[in-house]
Amino acid sequence: MSLGEFFALGAAVTWAMAVILFKLSGERMPPLALNLFKTTLSLVLLVLTLFVLGEPLLPDRPVAEYVVLLLSGIIGITLSDTLFFYGLNRLGAGLNSIVECLYSPSIILLSFLFLPDATLTLVDAAGLALILAALFLIASPRSEGAERKDMIVGIACGAAAMVSLAVGVMMFIPIVAHVSVFWASAVRTFGAVLTLAALPLLRRDARHLFDCFRPSAVWMWSIPGSILGTYVALLFWTLGFKHASSSRAAILNQSNTIFVLILATIFLRESLTRRKLIAISLGIGGVVVVTLLGSGRDDAEGGRPRDEGTVSGRVATDASASPSTLVVVSSPSPAPSPRVP
């Protein structure tokens, strides 16, 4: 296993661990409060990282870039992560990980709709069909592990989370191609913290959200979950794409679905049924089809896309760039591991 593959697999394992910790946190902390807590902690860690790397907090960049990054954070973190936590609470970790497979086709479909050079092939459609089949399977009346209403609401929240995450990421990627990924992530995260913190100020009934910063027993889950899910996984994700071909890194990232299922069975006592195994196989199969055979697959040599105008989730590196800078030729890996801050 190469160094890049090690980091890509590490991102999958780290995110899976974070999901379990977020599920445990969500039993005592509401989704909005949990999002505010983990996003604030993530911002602190990112700012400290910038200081350690000697990078400026406010570099001389166009105002438009700051605005786009802030909006990306509002959509991709404030909205998406709150919906993600709602879905996680409703579905449980194992079933929610299947819904996360929608991230990859969401990127491709949005690219096809809004980017003139993006393409959508029958192979992409086949991958999406496999993922949708997995969702229909877990939403069927015979599904286990959640009430029917919770199942539908959880799937809807999870699907909306993946779409909004994809929108935020597509806004983020053209800018991070030329700047430090840690600085760009810090600006996005700052935008999310601003909006999340503004809610209690705008609505009196939301002021209890600040209670998440009072020391409590739930911190034993929420602090390590926030560190692993929004910071450590980001580091592994970045290093994985710097040192491995993007197709290999993407597939290894997607293996988080398997790790979530295993950890949820062990630590959350979630049932491991045949229906769930089939659904997870369909979901992962759909992502593999889209990643390896779809419109933006890497060429066999350098791991770069065959067409830089095609967006389906590819990141390449530039040897002249700083260690924290990724040169992105399209969009990030079609894998939800991790959710980029």
C-alpha atoms as a PDB file:
ATOM      1  CA  MET A   1       0.000   0.000   0.000  1.00  0.00           C
ATOM      2  CA  SER A   2       1.391   3.371  -1.030  1.00  0.00           C
ATOM      3  CA  LEU A   3       1.532   6.381   1.278  1.00  0.00           C
ATOM      4  CA  GLY A   4      -1.318   8.061  -0.583  1.00  0.00           C
ATOM      5  CA  GLU A   5      -3.508   4.974  -0.332  1.00  0.00           C
ATOM      6  CA  PHE A   6      -2.742   4.764   3.386  1.00  0.00           C
ATOM      7  CA  PHE A   7      -3.943   8.335   3.918  1.00  0.00           C
ATOM      8  CA  ALA A   8      -7.043   7.808   1.738  1.00  0.00           C
ATOM      9  CA  LEU A   9      -7.963   4.725   3.742  1.00  0.00           C
ATOM     10  CA  GLY A  10      -7.195   6.653   6.929  1.00  0.00           C
ATOM     11  CA  ALA A  11      -9.685   9.322   5.861  1.00  0.00           C
ATOM     12  CA  ALA A  12     -12.365   6.641   5.454  1.00  0.00           C
ATOM     13  CA  VAL A  13     -11.678   5.068   8.849  1.00  0.00           C
ATOM     14  CA  THR A  14     -11.450   8.440  10.588  1.00  0.00           C
ATOM     15  CA  TRP A  15     -14.731   9.653   9.126  1.00  0.00           C
ATOM     16  CA  ALA A  16     -16.435   6.379  10.076  1.00  0.00           C
ATOM     17  CA  MET A  17     -15.269   6.808  13.671  1.00  0.00           C
ATOM     18  CA  ALA A  18     -16.545  10.393  13.645  1.00  0.00           C
ATOM     19  CA  VAL A  19     -19.981   9.298  12.399  1.00  0.00           C
ATOM     20  CA  ILE A  20     -20.342   6.904  15.332  1.00  0.00           C
ATOM     21  CA  LEU A  21     -19.319   9.637  17.757  1.00  0.00           C
ATOM     22  CA  PHE A  22     -21.738  12.104  16.129  1.00  0.00           C
ATOM     23  CA  LYS A  23     -24.552   9.552  16.455  1.00  0.00           C
ATOM     24  CA  LEU A  24     -23.800   9.187  20.167  1.00  0.00           C
ATOM     25  CA  SER A  25     -23.600  12.979  20.516  1.00  0.00           C
ATOM     26  CA  GLY A  26     -26.906  13.396  18.707  1.00  0.00           C
ATOM     27  CA  GLU A  27     -28.697  11.399  21.377  1.00  0.00           C
ATOM     28  CA  ARG A  28     -28.125  14.299  23.797  1.00  0.00           C
ATOM     29  CA  MET A  29     -27.402  17.284  21.581  1.00  0.00           C
ATOM     30  CA  PRO A  30     -29.817  18.633  18.898  1.00  0.00           C
ATOM     31  CA  PRO A  31     -28.558  18.753  15.283  1.00  0.00           C
ATOM     32  CA  LEU A  32     -28.199  22.547  15.157  1.00  0.00           C
ATOM     33  CA  ALA A  33     -26.321  22.650  18.457  1.00  0.00           C
ATOM     34  CA  LEU A  34     -24.046  19.790  17.412  1.00  0.00           C
ATOM     35  CA  ASN A  35     -23.313  21.522  14.120  1.00  0.00           C
ATOM     36  CA  LEU A  36     -22.489  24.780  15.913  1.00  0.00           C
ATOM     37  CA  PHE A  37     -20.214  22.971  18.360  1.00  0.00           C
ATOM     38  CA  LYS A  38     -18.238  20.908  15.835  1.00  0.00           C
ATOM     39  CA  THR A  39     -17.996  23.787  13.342  1.00  0.00           C
ATOM     40  CA  THR A  40     -16.657  26.199  15.963  1.00  0.00           C
ATOM     41  CA  LEU A  41     -14.087  23.654  17.108  1.00  0.00           C
ATOM     42  CA  SER A  42     -13.116  23.028  13.491  1.00  0.00           C
ATOM     43  CA  LEU A  43     -12.604  26.758  12.918  1.00  0.00           C
ATOM     44  CA  VAL A  44     -10.287  27.000  15.939  1.00  0.00           C
ATOM     45  CA  LEU A  45      -8.190  24.077  14.681  1.00  0.00           C
ATOM     46  CA  LEU A  46      -7.991  25.472  11.147  1.00  0.00           C
ATOM     47  CA  VAL A  47      -6.903  28.913  12.390  1.00  0.00           C
ATOM     48  CA  LEU A  48      -4.228  27.312  14.583  1.00  0.00           C
ATOM     49  CA  THR A  49      -3.052  25.335  11.554  1.00  0.00           C
ATOM     50  CA  LEU A  50      -2.677  28.533   9.530  1.00  0.00           C
ATOM     51  CA  PHE A  51      -0.542  30.016  12.308  1.00  0.00           C
ATOM     52  CA  VAL A  52       1.646  26.898  12.449  1.00  0.00           C
ATOM     53  CA  LEU A  53       2.096  26.912   8.671  1.00  0.00           C
ATOM     54  CA  GLY A  54       2.832  30.637   8.695  1.00  0.00           C
ATOM     55  CA  GLU A  55      -0.046  31.402   6.337  1.00  0.00           C
ATOM     56  CA  PRO A  56      -1.959  34.695   6.581  1.00  0.00           C
ATOM     57  CA  LEU A  57      -5.498  34.750   7.918  1.00  0.00           C
ATOM     58  CA  LEU A  58      -6.528  37.476   5.477  1.00  0.00           C
ATOM     59  CA  PRO A  59      -4.451  37.098   2.305  1.00  0.00           C
ATOM     60  CA  ASP A  60      -4.797  39.589  -0.531  1.00  0.00           C
ATOM     61  CA  ARG A  61      -7.491  37.797  -2.517  1.00  0.00           C
ATOM     62  CA  PRO A  62     -10.434  39.233  -4.474  1.00  0.00           C
ATOM     63  CA  VAL A  63     -13.457  40.134  -2.375  1.00  0.00           C
ATOM     64  CA  ALA A  64     -15.546  37.885  -4.622  1.00  0.00           C
ATOM     65  CA  GLU A  65     -13.537  34.870  -3.457  1.00  0.00           C
ATOM     66  CA  TYR A  66     -14.279  35.643   0.181  1.00  0.00           C
ATOM     67  CA  VAL A  67     -17.977  36.020  -0.605  1.00  0.00           C
ATOM     68  CA  VAL A  68     -18.163  32.756  -2.542  1.00  0.00           C
ATOM     69  CA  LEU A  69     -16.303  30.849   0.188  1.00  0.00           C
ATOM     70  CA  LEU A  70     -18.604  32.256   2.866  1.00  0.00           C
ATOM     71  CA  LEU A  71     -21.677  31.278   0.841  1.00  0.00           C
ATOM     72  CA  SER A  72     -20.150  27.857   0.222  1.00  0.00           C
ATOM     73  CA  GLY A  73     -19.822  27.395   3.968  1.00  0.00           C
ATOM     74  CA  ILE A  74     -23.414  28.448   4.606  1.00  0.00           C
ATOM     75  CA  ILE A  75     -24.750  25.953   2.062  1.00  0.00           C
ATOM     76  CA  GLY A  76     -22.210  23.171   2.472  1.00  0.00           C
ATOM     77  CA  ILE A  77     -21.801  23.279   6.266  1.00  0.00           C
ATOM     78  CA  THR A  78     -24.630  25.196   7.959  1.00  0.00           C
ATOM     79  CA  LEU A  79     -27.389  23.656   5.856  1.00  0.00           C
ATOM     80  CA  SER A  80     -25.830  20.370   4.771  1.00  0.00           C
ATOM     81  CA  ASP A  81     -24.358  19.268   8.083  1.00  0.00           C
ATOM     82  CA  THR A  82     -27.521  20.157  10.010  1.00  0.00           C
ATOM     83  CA  LEU A  83     -29.566  18.028   7.603  1.00  0.00           C
ATOM     84  CA  PHE A  84     -26.921  15.309   7.861  1.00  0.00           C
ATOM     85  CA  PHE A  85     -27.277  15.184  11.660  1.00  0.00           C
ATOM     86  CA  TYR A  86     -31.075  15.089  11.378  1.00  0.00           C
ATOM     87  CA  GLY A  87     -30.795  12.160   8.987  1.00  0.00           C
ATOM     88  CA  LEU A  88     -28.250  10.424  11.208  1.00  0.00           C
ATOM     89  CA  ASN A  89     -30.568  10.670  14.205  1.00  0.00           C
ATOM     90  CA  ARG A  90     -33.507   9.283  12.231  1.00  0.00           C
ATOM     91  CA  LEU A  91     -31.800   6.481  10.320  1.00  0.00           C
ATOM     92  CA  GLY A  92     -28.882   5.418  12.439  1.00  0.00           C
ATOM     93  CA  ALA A  93     -25.270   5.326  11.286  1.00  0.00           C
ATOM     94  CA  GLY A  94     -25.465   2.260   9.034  1.00  0.00           C
ATOM     95  CA  LEU A  95     -28.467   3.270   6.931  1.00  0.00           C
ATOM     96  CA  ASN A  96     -27.344   6.894   6.809  1.00  0.00           C
ATOM     97  CA  SER A  97     -24.026   5.809   5.298  1.00  0.00           C
ATOM     98  CA  ILE A  98     -25.950   4.328   2.360  1.00  0.00           C
ATOM     99  CA  VAL A  99     -27.697   7.652   1.741  1.00  0.00           C
ATOM    100  CA  GLU A 100     -24.276   9.339   1.710  1.00  0.00           C
ATOM    101  CA  CYS A 101     -23.520   7.471  -1.510  1.00  0.00           C
ATOM    102  CA  LEU A 102     -25.716  10.083  -3.223  1.00  0.00           C
ATOM    103  CA  TYR A 103     -22.894  12.616  -2.955  1.00  0.00           C
ATOM    104  CA  SER A 104     -21.057  11.357  -6.031  1.00  0.00           C
ATOM    105  CA  PRO A 105     -24.015  11.430  -8.443  1.00  0.00           C
ATOM    106  CA  SER A 106     -25.078  14.779  -6.967  1.00  0.00           C
ATOM    107  CA  ILE A 107     -21.747  16.261  -8.030  1.00  0.00           C
ATOM    108  CA  ILE A 108     -22.079  14.757 -11.504  1.00  0.00           C
ATOM    109  CA  LEU A 109     -25.693  15.824 -12.039  1.00  0.00           C
ATOM    110  CA  LEU A 110     -25.074  19.375 -10.840  1.00  0.00           C
ATOM    111  CA  SER A 111     -22.005  19.586 -13.065  1.00  0.00           C
ATOM    112  CA  PHE A 112     -24.013  18.360 -16.039  1.00  0.00           C
ATOM    113  CA  LEU A 113     -26.744  20.924 -15.385  1.00  0.00           C
ATOM    114  CA  PHE A 114     -24.592  23.977 -14.725  1.00  0.00           C
ATOM    115  CA  LEU A 115     -21.172  23.439 -16.352  1.00  0.00           C
ATOM    116  CA  PRO A 116     -21.109  23.626 -20.159  1.00  0.00           C
ATOM    117  CA  ASP A 117     -18.222  21.173 -20.606  1.00  0.00           C
ATOM    118  CA  ALA A 118     -19.515  18.531 -18.196  1.00  0.00           C
ATOM    119  CA  THR A 119     -20.830  15.269 -19.614  1.00  0.00           C
ATOM    120  CA  LEU A 120     -23.293  12.658 -18.404  1.00  0.00           C
ATOM    121  CA  THR A 121     -22.943   9.144 -19.772  1.00  0.00           C
ATOM    122  CA  LEU A 122     -25.022   5.986 -19.596  1.00  0.00           C
ATOM    123  CA  VAL A 123     -22.418   4.612 -17.196  1.00  0.00           C
ATOM    124  CA  ASP A 124     -23.018   7.570 -14.864  1.00  0.00           C
ATOM    125  CA  ALA A 125     -26.750   6.900 -15.081  1.00  0.00           C
ATOM    126  CA  ALA A 126     -26.152   3.219 -14.293  1.00  0.00           C
ATOM    127  CA  GLY A 127     -24.153   4.150 -11.196  1.00  0.00           C
ATOM    128  CA  LEU A 128     -26.926   6.501 -10.060  1.00  0.00           C
ATOM    129  CA  ALA A 129     -29.495   3.750 -10.648  1.00  0.00           C
ATOM    130  CA  LEU A 130     -27.583   1.389  -8.354  1.00  0.00           C
ATOM    131  CA  ILE A 131     -27.498   3.997  -5.599  1.00  0.00           C
ATOM    132  CA  LEU A 132     -31.201   4.775  -5.998  1.00  0.00           C
ATOM    133  CA  ALA A 133     -31.937   1.041  -5.864  1.00  0.00           C
ATOM    134  CA  ALA A 134     -30.120   0.934  -2.521  1.00  0.00           C
ATOM    135  CA  LEU A 135     -32.253   3.807  -1.207  1.00  0.00           C
ATOM    136  CA  PHE A 136     -35.494   2.184  -2.364  1.00  0.00           C
ATOM    137  CA  LEU A 137     -34.395  -1.028  -0.706  1.00  0.00           C
ATOM    138  CA  ILE A 138     -33.856   0.551   2.707  1.00  0.00           C
ATOM    139  CA  ALA A 139     -37.047   2.635   2.369  1.00  0.00           C
ATOM    140  CA  SER A 140     -39.252  -0.338   1.544  1.00  0.00           C
ATOM    141  CA  PRO A 141     -41.973  -1.347   4.032  1.00  0.00           C
ATOM    142  CA  ARG A 142     -39.974  -4.404   5.079  1.00  0.00           C
ATOM    143  CA  SER A 143     -36.915  -2.369   6.049  1.00  0.00           C
ATOM    144  CA  GLU A 144     -35.644  -2.812   9.574  1.00  0.00           C
ATOM    145  CA  GLY A 145     -34.117  -0.563  12.225  1.00  0.00           C
ATOM    146  CA  ALA A 146     -36.407   2.472  12.032  1.00  0.00           C
ATOM    147  CA  GLU A 147     -40.082   3.371  11.822  1.00  0.00           C
ATOM    148  CA  ARG A 148     -41.454   3.979   8.345  1.00  0.00           C
ATOM    149  CA  LYS A 149     -41.923   7.730   8.930  1.00  0.00           C
ATOM    150  CA  ASP A 150     -38.449   8.117  10.405  1.00  0.00           C
ATOM    151  CA  MET A 151     -37.044   6.205   7.453  1.00  0.00           C
ATOM    152  CA  ILE A 152     -38.625   8.500   4.848  1.00  0.00           C
ATOM    153  CA  VAL A 153     -37.770  11.695   6.730  1.00  0.00           C
ATOM    154  CA  GLY A 154     -34.226  10.472   7.373  1.00  0.00           C
ATOM    155  CA  ILE A 155     -33.646   9.599   3.721  1.00  0.00           C
ATOM    156  CA  ALA A 156     -35.059  12.972   2.634  1.00  0.00           C
ATOM    157  CA  CYS A 157     -32.791  14.834   5.071  1.00  0.00           C
ATOM    158  CA  GLY A 158     -29.772  12.774   4.045  1.00  0.00           C
ATOM    159  CA  ALA A 159     -30.425  13.262   0.341  1.00  0.00           C
ATOM    160  CA  ALA A 160     -30.891  17.011   0.791  1.00  0.00           C
ATOM    161  CA  ALA A 161     -27.664  17.088   2.820  1.00  0.00           C
ATOM    162  CA  MET A 162     -25.731  15.440  -0.016  1.00  0.00           C
ATOM    163  CA  VAL A 163     -27.152  17.797  -2.659  1.00  0.00           C
ATOM    164  CA  SER A 164     -26.419  20.913  -0.599  1.00  0.00           C
ATOM    165  CA  LEU A 165     -22.961  19.556   0.202  1.00  0.00           C
ATOM    166  CA  ALA A 166     -22.330  19.067  -3.515  1.00  0.00           C
ATOM    167  CA  VAL A 167     -23.458  22.638  -4.235  1.00  0.00           C
ATOM    168  CA  GLY A 168     -21.147  24.011  -1.551  1.00  0.00           C
ATOM    169  CA  VAL A 169     -18.229  21.938  -2.790  1.00  0.00           C
ATOM    170  CA  MET A 170     -18.706  23.050  -6.405  1.00  0.00           C
ATOM    171  CA  MET A 171     -18.540  26.657  -5.237  1.00  0.00           C
ATOM    172  CA  PHE A 172     -15.438  25.884  -3.152  1.00  0.00           C
ATOM    173  CA  ILE A 173     -13.362  23.972  -5.706  1.00  0.00           C
ATOM    174  CA  PRO A 174     -12.555  26.648  -8.345  1.00  0.00           C
ATOM    175  CA  ILE A 175     -11.068  28.840  -5.611  1.00  0.00           C
ATOM    176  CA  VAL A 176      -9.121  26.187  -3.696  1.00  0.00           C
ATOM    177  CA  ALA A 177      -7.363  25.343  -6.952  1.00  0.00           C
ATOM    178  CA  HIS A 178      -5.193  28.414  -6.391  1.00  0.00           C
ATOM    179  CA  VAL A 179      -5.025  28.909  -2.623  1.00  0.00           C
ATOM    180  CA  SER A 180      -4.290  26.994   0.560  1.00  0.00           C
ATOM    181  CA  VAL A 181      -6.953  24.397   1.235  1.00  0.00           C
ATOM    182  CA  PHE A 182      -6.691  25.201   4.955  1.00  0.00           C
ATOM    183  CA  TRP A 183      -7.265  28.923   4.419  1.00  0.00           C
ATOM    184  CA  ALA A 184     -10.204  28.303   2.093  1.00  0.00           C
ATOM    185  CA  SER A 185     -11.673  25.785   4.539  1.00  0.00           C
ATOM    186  CA  ALA A 186     -11.244  28.285   7.389  1.00  0.00           C
ATOM    187  CA  VAL A 187     -13.171  30.979   5.500  1.00  0.00           C
ATOM    188  CA  ARG A 188     -15.966  28.516   4.662  1.00  0.00           C
ATOM    189  CA  THR A 189     -16.114  27.380   8.255  1.00  0.00           C
ATOM    190  CA  PHE A 190     -16.201  30.989   9.487  1.00  0.00           C
ATOM    191  CA  GLY A 191     -19.239  31.627   7.286  1.00  0.00           C
ATOM    192  CA  ALA A 192     -20.949  28.592   8.771  1.00  0.00           C
ATOM    193  CA  VAL A 193     -20.142  29.626  12.358  1.00  0.00           C
ATOM    194  CA  LEU A 194     -21.523  33.111  11.716  1.00  0.00           C
ATOM    195  CA  THR A 195     -24.860  31.826  10.471  1.00  0.00           C
ATOM    196  CA  LEU A 196     -25.184  29.140  13.120  1.00  0.00           C
ATOM    197  CA  ALA A 197     -24.336  31.601  15.905  1.00  0.00           C
ATOM    198  CA  ALA A 198     -26.775  34.148  14.498  1.00  0.00           C
ATOM    199  CA  LEU A 199     -29.765  31.842  14.931  1.00  0.00           C
ATOM    200  CA  PRO A 200     -29.929  32.187  18.741  1.00  0.00           C
ATOM    201  CA  LEU A 201     -29.600  35.952  18.364  1.00  0.00           C
ATOM    202  CA  LEU A 202     -32.472  36.136  15.886  1.00  0.00           C
ATOM    203  CA  ARG A 203     -34.819  33.727  17.650  1.00  0.00           C
ATOM    204  CA  ARG A 204     -35.253  33.566  21.412  1.00  0.00           C
ATOM    205  CA  ASP A 205     -36.390  29.962  21.268  1.00  0.00           C
ATOM    206  CA  ALA A 206     -33.033  29.053  19.699  1.00  0.00           C
ATOM    207  CA  ARG A 207     -30.845  30.506  22.448  1.00  0.00           C
ATOM    208  CA  HIS A 208     -30.474  27.079  24.004  1.00  0.00           C
ATOM    209  CA  LEU A 209     -28.065  26.282  21.147  1.00  0.00           C
ATOM    210  CA  PHE A 210     -25.285  28.021  23.065  1.00  0.00           C
ATOM    211  CA  ASP A 211     -25.706  25.415  25.805  1.00  0.00           C
ATOM    212  CA  CYS A 212     -23.528  23.150  23.670  1.00  0.00           C
ATOM    213  CA  PHE A 213     -20.504  25.128  24.906  1.00  0.00           C
ATOM    214  CA  ARG A 214     -21.213  24.334  28.550  1.00  0.00           C
ATOM    215  CA  PRO A 215     -19.097  21.402  29.712  1.00  0.00           C
ATOM    216  CA  SER A 216     -21.206  18.270  29.870  1.00  0.00           C
ATOM    217  CA  ALA A 217     -20.981  14.495  29.546  1.00  0.00           C
ATOM    218  CA  VAL A 218     -21.781  14.665  25.822  1.00  0.00           C
ATOM    219  CA  TRP A 219     -18.405  16.313  25.230  1.00  0.00           C
ATOM    220  CA  MET A 220     -16.784  12.886  25.559  1.00  0.00           C
ATOM    221  CA  TRP A 221     -18.385  12.108  22.188  1.00  0.00           C
ATOM    222  CA  SER A 222     -18.714  15.492  20.509  1.00  0.00           C
ATOM    223  CA  ILE A 223     -15.132  16.722  20.987  1.00  0.00           C
ATOM    224  CA  PRO A 224     -13.331  13.681  19.546  1.00  0.00           C
ATOM    225  CA  GLY A 225     -16.017  13.382  16.853  1.00  0.00           C
ATOM    226  CA  SER A 226     -15.501  16.999  15.812  1.00  0.00           C
ATOM    227  CA  ILE A 227     -11.712  16.691  15.770  1.00  0.00           C
ATOM    228  CA  LEU A 228     -11.722  13.444  13.810  1.00  0.00           C
ATOM    229  CA  GLY A 229     -14.525  14.323  11.412  1.00  0.00           C
ATOM    230  CA  THR A 230     -13.759  17.925  10.543  1.00  0.00           C
ATOM    231  CA  TYR A 231      -9.988  18.145  10.920  1.00  0.00           C
ATOM    232  CA  VAL A 232      -8.069  14.851  10.985  1.00  0.00           C
ATOM    233  CA  ALA A 233     -10.160  13.397   8.160  1.00  0.00           C
ATOM    234  CA  LEU A 234      -9.555  16.554   6.118  1.00  0.00           C
ATOM    235  CA  LEU A 235      -5.796  16.158   6.550  1.00  0.00           C
ATOM    236  CA  PHE A 236      -5.918  12.512   5.493  1.00  0.00           C
ATOM    237  CA  TRP A 237      -8.232  13.325   2.570  1.00  0.00           C
ATOM    238  CA  THR A 238      -5.880  16.044   1.328  1.00  0.00           C
ATOM    239  CA  LEU A 239      -2.734  13.919   1.701  1.00  0.00           C
ATOM    240  CA  GLY A 240      -4.444  10.973   0.048  1.00  0.00           C
ATOM    241  CA  PHE A 241      -5.119  12.967  -3.092  1.00  0.00           C
ATOM    242  CA  LYS A 242      -1.641  14.470  -3.101  1.00  0.00           C
ATOM    243  CA  HIS A 243       0.105  11.095  -3.038  1.00  0.00           C
ATOM    244  CA  ALA A 244      -2.269   8.693  -4.818  1.00  0.00           C
ATOM    245  CA  SER A 245      -4.193   8.648  -8.092  1.00  0.00           C
ATOM    246  CA  SER A 246      -7.589  10.218  -7.592  1.00  0.00           C
ATOM    247  CA  SER A 247      -9.493   7.097  -8.656  1.00  0.00           C
ATOM    248  CA  ARG A 248      -7.761   4.946  -6.034  1.00  0.00           C
ATOM    249  CA  ALA A 249      -8.160   7.632  -3.371  1.00  0.00           C
ATOM    250  CA  ALA A 250     -11.854   8.052  -4.199  1.00  0.00           C
ATOM    251  CA  ILE A 251     -12.599   4.336  -3.926  1.00  0.00           C
ATOM    252  CA  LEU A 252     -10.671   4.015  -0.666  1.00  0.00           C
ATOM    253  CA  ASN A 253     -12.518   7.070   0.680  1.00  0.00           C
ATOM    254  CA  GLN A 254     -15.845   5.460  -0.164  1.00  0.00           C
ATOM    255  CA  SER A 255     -14.924   2.411   1.902  1.00  0.00           C
ATOM    256  CA  ASN A 256     -16.041   4.505   4.877  1.00  0.00           C
ATOM    257  CA  THR A 257     -19.504   3.065   4.244  1.00  0.00           C
ATOM    258  CA  ILE A 258     -18.202  -0.383   5.162  1.00  0.00           C
ATOM    259  CA  PHE A 259     -16.368   0.898   8.231  1.00  0.00           C
ATOM    260  CA  VAL A 260     -19.446   2.789   9.427  1.00  0.00           C
ATOM    261  CA  LEU A 261     -21.522  -0.386   9.105  1.00  0.00           C
ATOM    262  CA  ILE A 262     -18.989  -2.421  11.081  1.00  0.00           C
ATOM    263  CA  LEU A 263     -18.548   0.177  13.823  1.00  0.00           C
ATOM    264  CA  ALA A 264     -22.295   0.806  14.079  1.00  0.00           C
ATOM    265  CA  THR A 265     -22.884  -2.921  14.544  1.00  0.00           C
ATOM    266  CA  ILE A 266     -20.230  -3.173  17.262  1.00  0.00           C
ATOM    267  CA  PHE A 267     -20.674   0.046  19.219  1.00  0.00           C
ATOM    268  CA  LEU A 268     -24.253   1.133  18.484  1.00  0.00           C
ATOM    269  CA  ARG A 269     -25.734  -2.358  18.424  1.00  0.00           C
ATOM    270  CA  GLU A 270     -27.384  -1.665  15.070  1.00  0.00           C
ATOM    271  CA  SER A 271     -28.713  -4.781  13.361  1.00  0.00           C
ATOM    272  CA  LEU A 272     -26.741  -6.240  10.474  1.00  0.00           C
ATOM    273  CA  THR A 273     -29.380  -7.637   8.130  1.00  0.00           C
ATOM    274  CA  ARG A 274     -29.217  -9.163   4.683  1.00  0.00           C
ATOM    275  CA  ARG A 275     -31.266  -6.277   3.284  1.00  0.00           C
ATOM    276  CA  LYS A 276     -28.812  -3.747   4.707  1.00  0.00           C
ATOM    277  CA  LEU A 277     -25.818  -5.639   3.294  1.00  0.00           C
ATOM    278  CA  ILE A 278     -27.414  -5.738  -0.158  1.00  0.00           C
ATOM    279  CA  ALA A 279     -28.233  -2.030  -0.006  1.00  0.00           C
ATOM    280  CA  ILE A 280     -24.694  -1.120   1.013  1.00  0.00           C
ATOM    281  CA  SER A 281     -23.291  -3.295  -1.779  1.00  0.00           C
ATOM    282  CA  LEU A 282     -25.531  -1.537  -4.306  1.00  0.00           C
ATOM    283  CA  GLY A 283     -24.578   1.904  -2.966  1.00  0.00           C
ATOM    284  CA  ILE A 284     -20.840   1.263  -3.018  1.00  0.00           C
ATOM    285  CA  GLY A 285     -21.161  -0.439  -6.410  1.00  0.00           C
ATOM    286  CA  GLY A 286     -22.839   2.669  -7.798  1.00  0.00           C
ATOM    287  CA  VAL A 287     -20.036   4.903  -6.528  1.00  0.00           C
ATOM    288  CA  VAL A 288     -17.395   2.539  -7.954  1.00  0.00           C
ATOM    289  CA  VAL A 289     -19.116   2.555 -11.352  1.00  0.00           C
ATOM    290  CA  VAL A 290     -19.300   6.357 -11.407  1.00  0.00           C
ATOM    291  CA  THR A 291     -15.728   6.777 -10.185  1.00  0.00           C
ATOM    292  CA  LEU A 292     -13.917   4.205 -12.301  1.00  0.00           C
ATOM    293  CA  LEU A 293     -16.081   3.998 -15.412  1.00  0.00           C
ATOM    294  CA  GLY A 294     -17.997   7.269 -15.503  1.00  0.00           C
ATOM    295  CA  SER A 295     -17.505  10.441 -17.494  1.00  0.00           C
ATOM    296  CA  GLY A 296     -14.617  11.793 -15.419  1.00  0.00           C
ATOM    297  CA  ARG A 297     -12.520   8.687 -14.833  1.00  0.00           C
ATOM    298  CA  ASP A 298      -8.742   9.082 -14.600  1.00  0.00           C
ATOM    299  CA  ASP A 299      -6.476   8.026 -17.360  1.00  0.00           C
ATOM    300  CA  ALA A 300      -4.303   5.035 -16.712  1.00  0.00           C
ATOM    301  CA  GLU A 301      -1.057   6.908 -16.455  1.00  0.00           C
ATOM    302  CA  GLY A 302      -1.049   9.995 -14.321  1.00  0.00           C
ATOM    303  CA  GLY A 303      -4.341   9.828 -12.450  1.00  0.00           C
ATOM    304  CA  ARG A 304      -5.549  13.008 -14.139  1.00  0.00           C
ATOM    305  CA  PRO A 305      -8.933  13.293 -15.795  1.00  0.00           C
ATOM    306  CA  ARG A 306      -9.098  12.544 -19.505  1.00  0.00           C
ATOM    307  CA  ASP A 307     -10.855  15.889 -19.942  1.00  0.00           C
ATOM    308  CA  GLU A 308     -10.229  18.744 -17.555  1.00  0.00           C
ATOM    309  CA  GLY A 309     -13.603  20.223 -18.469  1.00  0.00           C
ATOM    310  CA  THR A 310     -15.411  17.150 -17.214  1.00  0.00           C
ATOM    311  CA  VAL A 311     -16.430  17.338 -13.611  1.00  0.00           C
ATOM    312  CA  SER A 312     -17.025  14.154 -11.675  1.00  0.00           C
ATOM    313  CA  GLY A 313     -14.664  14.401  -8.800  1.00  0.00           C
ATOM    314  CA  ARG A 314     -10.984  14.594  -9.555  1.00  0.00           C
ATOM    315  CA  VAL A 315      -8.183  16.365  -7.755  1.00  0.00           C
ATOM    316  CA  ALA A 316      -4.620  16.590  -8.984  1.00  0.00           C
ATOM    317  CA  THR A 317      -1.548  18.127  -7.418  1.00  0.00           C
ATOM    318  CA  ASP A 318       1.038  20.552  -8.632  1.00  0.00           C
ATOM    319  CA  ALA A 319       4.628  19.853  -7.585  1.00  0.00           C
ATOM    320  CA  SER A 320       5.318  23.571  -7.368  1.00  0.00           C
ATOM    321  CA  ALA A 321       2.410  24.231  -5.027  1.00  0.00           C
ATOM    322  CA  SER A 322       2.710  24.632  -1.289  1.00  0.00           C
ATOM    323  CA  PRO A 323       2.017  21.544   0.853  1.00  0.00           C
ATOM    324  CA  SER A 324      -1.450  22.807   1.719  1.00  0.00           C
ATOM    325  CA  THR A 325      -2.425  23.772  -1.819  1.00  0.00           C
ATOM    326  CA  LEU A 326      -4.266  21.441  -4.146  1.00  0.00           C
ATOM    327  CA  VAL A 327      -4.531  22.166  -7.844  1.00  0.00           C
ATOM    328  CA  VAL A 328      -8.032  21.046  -8.655  1.00  0.00           C
ATOM    329  CA  VAL A 329      -8.799  20.311 -12.270  1.00  0.00           C
ATOM    330  CA  SER A 330     -12.439  19.666 -11.675  1.00  0.00           C
ATOM    331  CA  SER A 331     -14.170  18.782  -8.414  1.00  0.00           C
ATOM    332  CA  PRO A 332     -13.313  16.827  -5.289  1.00  0.00           C
ATOM    333  CA  SER A 333     -13.526  13.124  -4.839  1.00  0.00           C
ATOM    334  CA  PRO A 334     -16.984  11.693  -5.191  1.00  0.00           C
ATOM    335  CA  ALA A 335     -16.876  10.355  -1.692  1.00  0.00           C
ATOM    336  CA  PRO A 336     -18.364  11.689   1.486  1.00  0.00           C
ATOM    337  CA  SER A 337     -15.341  10.893   3.507  1.00  0.00           C
ATOM    338  CA  PRO A 338     -14.677  13.329   4.911  1.00  0.00           C
ATOM    339  CA  ARG A 339     -17.152  16.166   4.671  1.00  0.00           C
ATOM    340  CA  VAL A 340     -14.741  18.918   3.771  1.00  0.00           C
ATOM    341  CA  PRO A 341     -15.042  21.726   6.345  1.00  0.00           C
END
